[in-house]
């Protein structure tokens, strides 16, 4: 086992388990955490792992970008952070090895995109998925989501920004299985590891390449065009303030 800034990595003969470990922040993606996650995933592939499992410590898988330092950001630094997460998501989506995400609690924003980028997507009951980027004018991961759940469902998710539960996510194809217990998650991981071992590494990589329909350049261009409009920081700040206000009203 190895621990990095906000990441815990456990490896065995054919599997690498990467756990986002900022539970006090809902495993929100800071700039540093994105770099550590990128490094951990690349190391897993280079280390001949056949299966990558991404999980989140605590109650939530990942609540999206860590925007707690929004006041220290500028339009330019925010744009760079969004581009960086998009390139990470593209890497996960096009991995030559099997990938599995374990959704629990909130899987919001970039966290939902990370979940959706994985090949197998397991969610515990009570998990929620939301894609709120349109609330601050961002187009991120939309084409990948549409290829997964279909055009109409993807449009509903990204235009509303509202969360959906695990059962609804299963119905549209965002989730592939809903285990009842942590023990069942362990069995699903073991089954997936056994499945990937049946096909040799090179053939599996070629099959994944041939079945990927992502247009990464177009997706990145759409993100940059949406984020490069003047006033990005103000749009993000306004979104953060709206969410905080809604939460206060809900608990009043």
C-alpha atoms as a PDB file:
ATOM      1  CA  UNK A   1       0.000   0.000   0.000  1.00  0.00           C
ATOM      2  CA  UNK A   2       1.206   3.510  -0.759  1.00  0.00           C
ATOM      3  CA  UNK A   3      -0.207   6.846   0.382  1.00  0.00           C
ATOM      4  CA  UNK A   4       0.127  10.133  -1.458  1.00  0.00           C
ATOM      5  CA  UNK A   5      -1.518  13.507  -1.100  1.00  0.00           C
ATOM      6  CA  UNK A   6      -5.182  12.539  -0.896  1.00  0.00           C
ATOM      7  CA  UNK A   7      -4.676   9.134  -2.552  1.00  0.00           C
ATOM      8  CA  UNK A   8      -4.275   5.604  -1.207  1.00  0.00           C
ATOM      9  CA  UNK A   9      -3.069   2.940  -3.649  1.00  0.00           C
ATOM     10  CA  UNK A  10      -3.183  -0.806  -3.022  1.00  0.00           C
ATOM     11  CA  UNK A  11      -1.756  -3.242  -5.580  1.00  0.00           C
ATOM     12  CA  UNK A  12      -1.789  -6.990  -5.937  1.00  0.00           C
ATOM     13  CA  UNK A  13      -0.700  -9.230  -8.815  1.00  0.00           C
ATOM     14  CA  UNK A  14      -3.168  -7.937 -11.395  1.00  0.00           C
ATOM     15  CA  UNK A  15      -5.173  -5.188  -9.718  1.00  0.00           C
ATOM     16  CA  UNK A  16      -4.587  -1.612  -8.588  1.00  0.00           C
ATOM     17  CA  UNK A  17      -7.093  -0.033  -6.210  1.00  0.00           C
ATOM     18  CA  UNK A  18      -6.943   3.764  -6.047  1.00  0.00           C
ATOM     19  CA  UNK A  19      -8.955   5.427  -3.283  1.00  0.00           C
ATOM     20  CA  UNK A  20      -9.600   9.160  -3.145  1.00  0.00           C
ATOM     21  CA  UNK A  21      -8.830   9.941   0.481  1.00  0.00           C
ATOM     22  CA  UNK A  22     -10.078  13.406   1.394  1.00  0.00           C
ATOM     23  CA  UNK A  23     -13.261  12.363   3.195  1.00  0.00           C
ATOM     24  CA  UNK A  24     -13.410  15.603   5.164  1.00  0.00           C
ATOM     25  CA  UNK A  25     -13.742  17.404   1.800  1.00  0.00           C
ATOM     26  CA  UNK A  26     -16.066  14.856   0.219  1.00  0.00           C
ATOM     27  CA  UNK A  27     -13.052  13.715  -1.852  1.00  0.00           C
ATOM     28  CA  UNK A  28     -13.375  16.935  -3.861  1.00  0.00           C
ATOM     29  CA  UNK A  29     -10.752  17.268  -6.575  1.00  0.00           C
ATOM     30  CA  UNK A  30      -8.124  19.854  -5.697  1.00  0.00           C
ATOM     31  CA  UNK A  31      -5.419  20.651  -8.240  1.00  0.00           C
ATOM     32  CA  UNK A  32      -2.966  18.520  -6.258  1.00  0.00           C
ATOM     33  CA  UNK A  33      -5.351  15.578  -6.019  1.00  0.00           C
ATOM     34  CA  UNK A  34      -5.888  15.585  -9.777  1.00  0.00           C
ATOM     35  CA  UNK A  35      -2.126  15.310 -10.330  1.00  0.00           C
ATOM     36  CA  UNK A  36      -1.780  12.514  -7.774  1.00  0.00           C
ATOM     37  CA  UNK A  37      -4.678  10.612  -9.325  1.00  0.00           C
ATOM     38  CA  UNK A  38      -3.138  10.970 -12.768  1.00  0.00           C
ATOM     39  CA  UNK A  39       0.184   9.687 -11.464  1.00  0.00           C
ATOM     40  CA  UNK A  40      -1.414   6.737  -9.673  1.00  0.00           C
ATOM     41  CA  UNK A  41      -3.360   5.657 -12.750  1.00  0.00           C
ATOM     42  CA  UNK A  42      -0.342   5.904 -15.051  1.00  0.00           C
ATOM     43  CA  UNK A  43       1.708   3.887 -12.562  1.00  0.00           C
ATOM     44  CA  UNK A  44      -0.990   1.209 -12.469  1.00  0.00           C
ATOM     45  CA  UNK A  45      -0.919   0.830 -16.252  1.00  0.00           C
ATOM     46  CA  UNK A  46       2.870   0.831 -16.444  1.00  0.00           C
ATOM     47  CA  UNK A  47       3.013  -1.686 -13.591  1.00  0.00           C
ATOM     48  CA  UNK A  48       1.088  -4.264 -15.643  1.00  0.00           C
ATOM     49  CA  UNK A  49      -2.131  -4.101 -13.645  1.00  0.00           C
ATOM     50  CA  UNK A  50      -5.067  -5.568 -15.570  1.00  0.00           C
ATOM     51  CA  UNK A  51      -7.804  -3.904 -13.505  1.00  0.00           C
ATOM     52  CA  UNK A  52      -8.021  -0.402 -12.028  1.00  0.00           C
ATOM     53  CA  UNK A  53     -10.562   0.158  -9.239  1.00  0.00           C
ATOM     54  CA  UNK A  54     -11.373   3.746  -8.216  1.00  0.00           C
ATOM     55  CA  UNK A  55     -13.195   4.320  -4.923  1.00  0.00           C
ATOM     56  CA  UNK A  56     -13.743   7.123  -2.446  1.00  0.00           C
ATOM     57  CA  UNK A  57     -13.040   7.066   1.287  1.00  0.00           C
ATOM     58  CA  UNK A  58     -15.854   7.981   3.650  1.00  0.00           C
ATOM     59  CA  UNK A  59     -19.447   8.733   2.679  1.00  0.00           C
ATOM     60  CA  UNK A  60     -18.901  10.034  -0.855  1.00  0.00           C
ATOM     61  CA  UNK A  61     -17.162   8.882  -4.025  1.00  0.00           C
ATOM     62  CA  UNK A  62     -16.289  12.406  -5.170  1.00  0.00           C
ATOM     63  CA  UNK A  63     -18.258  15.632  -4.813  1.00  0.00           C
ATOM     64  CA  UNK A  64     -16.601  17.350  -7.788  1.00  0.00           C
ATOM     65  CA  UNK A  65     -14.059  20.151  -7.968  1.00  0.00           C
ATOM     66  CA  UNK A  66     -12.700  21.579  -4.752  1.00  0.00           C
ATOM     67  CA  UNK A  67     -13.765  25.201  -5.118  1.00  0.00           C
ATOM     68  CA  UNK A  68     -13.029  26.215  -1.534  1.00  0.00           C
ATOM     69  CA  UNK A  69     -10.165  28.392  -2.796  1.00  0.00           C
ATOM     70  CA  UNK A  70     -12.204  30.122  -5.506  1.00  0.00           C
ATOM     71  CA  UNK A  71     -11.126  33.596  -4.328  1.00  0.00           C
ATOM     72  CA  UNK A  72      -7.490  32.817  -5.109  1.00  0.00           C
ATOM     73  CA  UNK A  73      -8.331  31.624  -8.626  1.00  0.00           C
ATOM     74  CA  UNK A  74      -8.499  33.599 -11.860  1.00  0.00           C
ATOM     75  CA  UNK A  75     -10.263  32.843 -15.124  1.00  0.00           C
ATOM     76  CA  UNK A  76      -6.968  31.505 -16.458  1.00  0.00           C
ATOM     77  CA  UNK A  77      -6.167  29.202 -13.531  1.00  0.00           C
ATOM     78  CA  UNK A  78      -9.717  27.841 -13.481  1.00  0.00           C
ATOM     79  CA  UNK A  79      -9.545  27.144 -17.209  1.00  0.00           C
ATOM     80  CA  UNK A  80      -6.296  25.247 -16.690  1.00  0.00           C
ATOM     81  CA  UNK A  81      -7.851  23.163 -13.907  1.00  0.00           C
ATOM     82  CA  UNK A  82     -10.846  22.260 -16.069  1.00  0.00           C
ATOM     83  CA  UNK A  83      -8.611  21.329 -18.994  1.00  0.00           C
ATOM     84  CA  UNK A  84      -6.489  19.214 -16.669  1.00  0.00           C
ATOM     85  CA  UNK A  85      -9.460  17.215 -15.404  1.00  0.00           C
ATOM     86  CA  UNK A  86     -10.714  16.709 -18.968  1.00  0.00           C
ATOM     87  CA  UNK A  87      -7.376  15.239 -20.044  1.00  0.00           C
ATOM     88  CA  UNK A  88      -7.452  12.968 -16.981  1.00  0.00           C
ATOM     89  CA  UNK A  89     -10.982  11.822 -17.834  1.00  0.00           C
ATOM     90  CA  UNK A  90      -9.936  11.139 -21.417  1.00  0.00           C
ATOM     91  CA  UNK A  91      -7.068   9.005 -20.159  1.00  0.00           C
ATOM     92  CA  UNK A  92      -9.366   6.983 -17.883  1.00  0.00           C
ATOM     93  CA  UNK A  93     -11.931   6.511 -20.636  1.00  0.00           C
ATOM     94  CA  UNK A  94      -9.317   5.220 -23.091  1.00  0.00           C
ATOM     95  CA  UNK A  95      -7.328   3.018 -20.703  1.00  0.00           C
ATOM     96  CA  UNK A  96      -6.009  -0.199 -22.268  1.00  0.00           C
ATOM     97  CA  UNK A  97      -6.940  -2.055 -19.057  1.00  0.00           C
ATOM     98  CA  UNK A  98     -10.264  -2.667 -17.328  1.00  0.00           C
ATOM     99  CA  UNK A  99     -11.530   0.045 -14.996  1.00  0.00           C
ATOM    100  CA  UNK A 100     -14.198  -0.009 -12.299  1.00  0.00           C
ATOM    101  CA  UNK A 101     -15.640   2.833 -10.228  1.00  0.00           C
ATOM    102  CA  UNK A 102     -17.389   2.326  -6.894  1.00  0.00           C
ATOM    103  CA  UNK A 103     -20.069   4.992  -6.518  1.00  0.00           C
ATOM    104  CA  UNK A 104     -21.240   5.887  -3.040  1.00  0.00           C
ATOM    105  CA  UNK A 105     -22.928   8.950  -1.594  1.00  0.00           C
ATOM    106  CA  UNK A 106     -22.479  11.987  -3.803  1.00  0.00           C
ATOM    107  CA  UNK A 107     -20.946  11.519  -7.230  1.00  0.00           C
ATOM    108  CA  UNK A 108     -21.232  15.099  -8.439  1.00  0.00           C
ATOM    109  CA  UNK A 109     -19.699  17.176 -11.200  1.00  0.00           C
ATOM    110  CA  UNK A 110     -16.203  16.030 -12.095  1.00  0.00           C
ATOM    111  CA  UNK A 111     -16.746  13.130  -9.682  1.00  0.00           C
ATOM    112  CA  UNK A 112     -19.713  11.941 -11.748  1.00  0.00           C
ATOM    113  CA  UNK A 113     -17.622  12.393 -14.892  1.00  0.00           C
ATOM    114  CA  UNK A 114     -14.833  10.293 -13.373  1.00  0.00           C
ATOM    115  CA  UNK A 115     -17.361   7.596 -12.486  1.00  0.00           C
ATOM    116  CA  UNK A 116     -18.828   7.667 -16.006  1.00  0.00           C
ATOM    117  CA  UNK A 117     -15.387   7.403 -17.625  1.00  0.00           C
ATOM    118  CA  UNK A 118     -14.844   3.949 -16.128  1.00  0.00           C
ATOM    119  CA  UNK A 119     -15.742   0.748 -17.947  1.00  0.00           C
ATOM    120  CA  UNK A 120     -17.681  -0.876 -15.091  1.00  0.00           C
ATOM    121  CA  UNK A 121     -19.675   1.401 -12.810  1.00  0.00           C
ATOM    122  CA  UNK A 122     -20.916  -0.026  -9.524  1.00  0.00           C
ATOM    123  CA  UNK A 123     -23.076   2.041  -7.170  1.00  0.00           C
ATOM    124  CA  UNK A 124     -24.369   1.417  -3.688  1.00  0.00           C
ATOM    125  CA  UNK A 125     -27.994   2.219  -2.971  1.00  0.00           C
ATOM    126  CA  UNK A 126     -28.196   5.805  -1.824  1.00  0.00           C
ATOM    127  CA  UNK A 127     -25.585   6.979  -4.323  1.00  0.00           C
ATOM    128  CA  UNK A 128     -26.530  10.109  -6.256  1.00  0.00           C
ATOM    129  CA  UNK A 129     -25.213  11.416  -9.560  1.00  0.00           C
ATOM    130  CA  UNK A 130     -25.318  15.005 -10.803  1.00  0.00           C
ATOM    131  CA  UNK A 131     -23.725  16.902 -13.696  1.00  0.00           C
ATOM    132  CA  UNK A 132     -24.143  20.587 -12.739  1.00  0.00           C
ATOM    133  CA  UNK A 133     -21.501  22.138 -15.012  1.00  0.00           C
ATOM    134  CA  UNK A 134     -24.079  23.919 -17.159  1.00  0.00           C
ATOM    135  CA  UNK A 135     -24.921  25.967 -14.064  1.00  0.00           C
ATOM    136  CA  UNK A 136     -21.706  27.905 -14.578  1.00  0.00           C
ATOM    137  CA  UNK A 137     -21.505  27.601 -18.351  1.00  0.00           C
ATOM    138  CA  UNK A 138     -19.182  24.602 -18.576  1.00  0.00           C
ATOM    139  CA  UNK A 139     -19.348  21.820 -21.185  1.00  0.00           C
ATOM    140  CA  UNK A 140     -17.294  18.950 -19.767  1.00  0.00           C
ATOM    141  CA  UNK A 141     -17.657  15.223 -20.472  1.00  0.00           C
ATOM    142  CA  UNK A 142     -20.973  15.666 -22.283  1.00  0.00           C
ATOM    143  CA  UNK A 143     -20.131  13.602 -25.375  1.00  0.00           C
ATOM    144  CA  UNK A 144     -18.816  10.714 -23.262  1.00  0.00           C
ATOM    145  CA  UNK A 145     -21.978  10.806 -21.172  1.00  0.00           C
ATOM    146  CA  UNK A 146     -24.177  10.804 -24.287  1.00  0.00           C
ATOM    147  CA  UNK A 147     -22.338   7.787 -25.700  1.00  0.00           C
ATOM    148  CA  UNK A 148     -23.050   5.994 -22.426  1.00  0.00           C
ATOM    149  CA  UNK A 149     -26.683   6.863 -21.669  1.00  0.00           C
ATOM    150  CA  UNK A 150     -27.961   8.196 -24.998  1.00  0.00           C
ATOM    151  CA  UNK A 151     -28.529  11.716 -26.274  1.00  0.00           C
ATOM    152  CA  UNK A 152     -31.855  12.419 -24.600  1.00  0.00           C
ATOM    153  CA  UNK A 153     -30.894  11.162 -21.135  1.00  0.00           C
ATOM    154  CA  UNK A 154     -27.568  13.006 -21.317  1.00  0.00           C
ATOM    155  CA  UNK A 155     -29.318  16.256 -22.229  1.00  0.00           C
ATOM    156  CA  UNK A 156     -31.740  15.892 -19.329  1.00  0.00           C
ATOM    157  CA  UNK A 157     -28.892  15.306 -16.889  1.00  0.00           C
ATOM    158  CA  UNK A 158     -26.626  18.141 -18.011  1.00  0.00           C
ATOM    159  CA  UNK A 159     -29.330  20.750 -18.618  1.00  0.00           C
ATOM    160  CA  UNK A 160     -31.109  20.193 -15.312  1.00  0.00           C
ATOM    161  CA  UNK A 161     -28.023  19.586 -13.173  1.00  0.00           C
ATOM    162  CA  UNK A 162     -30.341  17.725 -10.791  1.00  0.00           C
ATOM    163  CA  UNK A 163     -29.131  14.571  -9.011  1.00  0.00           C
ATOM    164  CA  UNK A 164     -30.541  11.146  -9.835  1.00  0.00           C
ATOM    165  CA  UNK A 165     -30.412   8.043  -7.652  1.00  0.00           C
ATOM    166  CA  UNK A 166     -28.629   4.760  -8.260  1.00  0.00           C
ATOM    167  CA  UNK A 167     -31.746   2.960  -9.504  1.00  0.00           C
ATOM    168  CA  UNK A 168     -32.501   5.601 -12.127  1.00  0.00           C
ATOM    169  CA  UNK A 169     -28.824   5.662 -13.110  1.00  0.00           C
ATOM    170  CA  UNK A 170     -28.960   1.881 -13.565  1.00  0.00           C
ATOM    171  CA  UNK A 171     -32.006   2.219 -15.797  1.00  0.00           C
ATOM    172  CA  UNK A 172     -30.266   4.595 -18.215  1.00  0.00           C
ATOM    173  CA  UNK A 173     -26.926   2.760 -18.260  1.00  0.00           C
ATOM    174  CA  UNK A 174     -24.868   5.136 -16.149  1.00  0.00           C
ATOM    175  CA  UNK A 175     -24.595   2.427 -13.478  1.00  0.00           C
ATOM    176  CA  UNK A 176     -23.922  -1.212 -14.387  1.00  0.00           C
ATOM    177  CA  UNK A 177     -24.666  -2.897 -11.035  1.00  0.00           C
ATOM    178  CA  UNK A 178     -26.086  -2.083  -7.596  1.00  0.00           C
ATOM    179  CA  UNK A 179     -24.654  -4.371  -4.903  1.00  0.00           C
ATOM    180  CA  UNK A 180     -26.427  -4.491  -1.565  1.00  0.00           C
ATOM    181  CA  UNK A 181     -23.341  -4.736   0.661  1.00  0.00           C
ATOM    182  CA  UNK A 182     -19.623  -3.983   0.767  1.00  0.00           C
ATOM    183  CA  UNK A 183     -19.048  -7.749   0.623  1.00  0.00           C
ATOM    184  CA  UNK A 184     -20.888  -7.903  -2.680  1.00  0.00           C
ATOM    185  CA  UNK A 185     -18.680  -5.111  -3.997  1.00  0.00           C
ATOM    186  CA  UNK A 186     -15.667  -7.256  -3.137  1.00  0.00           C
ATOM    187  CA  UNK A 187     -17.180 -10.159  -5.050  1.00  0.00           C
ATOM    188  CA  UNK A 188     -17.866  -7.978  -8.083  1.00  0.00           C
ATOM    189  CA  UNK A 189     -14.245  -6.826  -8.067  1.00  0.00           C
ATOM    190  CA  UNK A 190     -13.031 -10.436  -7.809  1.00  0.00           C
ATOM    191  CA  UNK A 191     -15.335 -11.463 -10.667  1.00  0.00           C
ATOM    192  CA  UNK A 192     -14.059  -8.609 -12.825  1.00  0.00           C
ATOM    193  CA  UNK A 193     -10.436  -9.544 -12.102  1.00  0.00           C
ATOM    194  CA  UNK A 194     -11.171 -13.141 -13.130  1.00  0.00           C
ATOM    195  CA  UNK A 195     -12.897 -11.957 -16.304  1.00  0.00           C
ATOM    196  CA  UNK A 196     -10.036  -9.760 -17.490  1.00  0.00           C
ATOM    197  CA  UNK A 197      -7.582 -12.602 -16.915  1.00  0.00           C
ATOM    198  CA  UNK A 198      -9.352 -14.687 -19.587  1.00  0.00           C
ATOM    199  CA  UNK A 199      -8.128 -12.452 -22.435  1.00  0.00           C
ATOM    200  CA  UNK A 200      -4.467 -11.698 -23.014  1.00  0.00           C
ATOM    201  CA  UNK A 201      -3.323  -8.164 -22.296  1.00  0.00           C
ATOM    202  CA  UNK A 202      -2.559  -7.134 -25.874  1.00  0.00           C
ATOM    203  CA  UNK A 203      -5.831  -8.423 -27.303  1.00  0.00           C
ATOM    204  CA  UNK A 204      -7.824  -6.735 -24.535  1.00  0.00           C
ATOM    205  CA  UNK A 205      -6.119  -3.403 -25.233  1.00  0.00           C
ATOM    206  CA  UNK A 206      -6.862  -3.668 -28.963  1.00  0.00           C
ATOM    207  CA  UNK A 207     -10.510  -4.548 -28.319  1.00  0.00           C
ATOM    208  CA  UNK A 208     -10.906  -1.546 -26.016  1.00  0.00           C
ATOM    209  CA  UNK A 209      -9.346   0.731 -28.607  1.00  0.00           C
ATOM    210  CA  UNK A 210     -11.687  -0.532 -31.332  1.00  0.00           C
ATOM    211  CA  UNK A 211     -14.820  -0.097 -29.218  1.00  0.00           C
ATOM    212  CA  UNK A 212     -14.045   3.440 -28.038  1.00  0.00           C
ATOM    213  CA  UNK A 213     -16.116   6.078 -29.836  1.00  0.00           C
ATOM    214  CA  UNK A 214     -14.820   9.163 -28.047  1.00  0.00           C
ATOM    215  CA  UNK A 215     -13.697  12.203 -30.042  1.00  0.00           C
ATOM    216  CA  UNK A 216     -11.227  13.608 -27.520  1.00  0.00           C
ATOM    217  CA  UNK A 217     -10.169  16.614 -29.586  1.00  0.00           C
ATOM    218  CA  UNK A 218     -13.753  17.722 -30.114  1.00  0.00           C
ATOM    219  CA  UNK A 219     -14.568  17.254 -26.417  1.00  0.00           C
ATOM    220  CA  UNK A 220     -11.547  19.290 -25.359  1.00  0.00           C
ATOM    221  CA  UNK A 221     -12.374  22.033 -27.856  1.00  0.00           C
ATOM    222  CA  UNK A 222     -15.950  22.244 -26.533  1.00  0.00           C
ATOM    223  CA  UNK A 223     -14.673  22.537 -22.975  1.00  0.00           C
ATOM    224  CA  UNK A 224     -12.163  25.261 -23.831  1.00  0.00           C
ATOM    225  CA  UNK A 225     -14.716  27.265 -25.815  1.00  0.00           C
ATOM    226  CA  UNK A 226     -17.222  27.105 -22.946  1.00  0.00           C
ATOM    227  CA  UNK A 227     -14.683  27.934 -20.232  1.00  0.00           C
ATOM    228  CA  UNK A 228     -12.799  30.601 -22.186  1.00  0.00           C
ATOM    229  CA  UNK A 229     -15.731  33.020 -22.254  1.00  0.00           C
ATOM    230  CA  UNK A 230     -14.904  36.037 -20.059  1.00  0.00           C
ATOM    231  CA  UNK A 231     -16.226  35.880 -16.518  1.00  0.00           C
ATOM    232  CA  UNK A 232     -15.534  32.218 -15.726  1.00  0.00           C
ATOM    233  CA  UNK A 233     -14.569  32.946 -12.131  1.00  0.00           C
ATOM    234  CA  UNK A 234     -17.709  35.012 -11.569  1.00  0.00           C
ATOM    235  CA  UNK A 235     -19.887  32.256 -13.028  1.00  0.00           C
ATOM    236  CA  UNK A 236     -18.278  29.644 -10.789  1.00  0.00           C
ATOM    237  CA  UNK A 237     -18.514  31.910  -7.728  1.00  0.00           C
ATOM    238  CA  UNK A 238     -22.180  32.560  -8.466  1.00  0.00           C
ATOM    239  CA  UNK A 239     -22.824  28.837  -8.732  1.00  0.00           C
ATOM    240  CA  UNK A 240     -21.066  28.140  -5.420  1.00  0.00           C
ATOM    241  CA  UNK A 241     -23.116  30.857  -3.711  1.00  0.00           C
ATOM    242  CA  UNK A 242     -26.390  29.526  -5.166  1.00  0.00           C
ATOM    243  CA  UNK A 243     -25.655  25.997  -3.972  1.00  0.00           C
ATOM    244  CA  UNK A 244     -24.759  27.248  -0.492  1.00  0.00           C
ATOM    245  CA  UNK A 245     -27.961  29.294  -0.349  1.00  0.00           C
ATOM    246  CA  UNK A 246     -30.082  26.324  -1.439  1.00  0.00           C
ATOM    247  CA  UNK A 247     -28.508  24.118   1.229  1.00  0.00           C
ATOM    248  CA  UNK A 248     -29.144  26.721   3.919  1.00  0.00           C
ATOM    249  CA  UNK A 249     -32.768  27.001   2.836  1.00  0.00           C
ATOM    250  CA  UNK A 250     -33.174  23.222   2.842  1.00  0.00           C
ATOM    251  CA  UNK A 251     -31.953  22.953   6.438  1.00  0.00           C
ATOM    252  CA  UNK A 252     -33.798  26.019   7.766  1.00  0.00           C
END
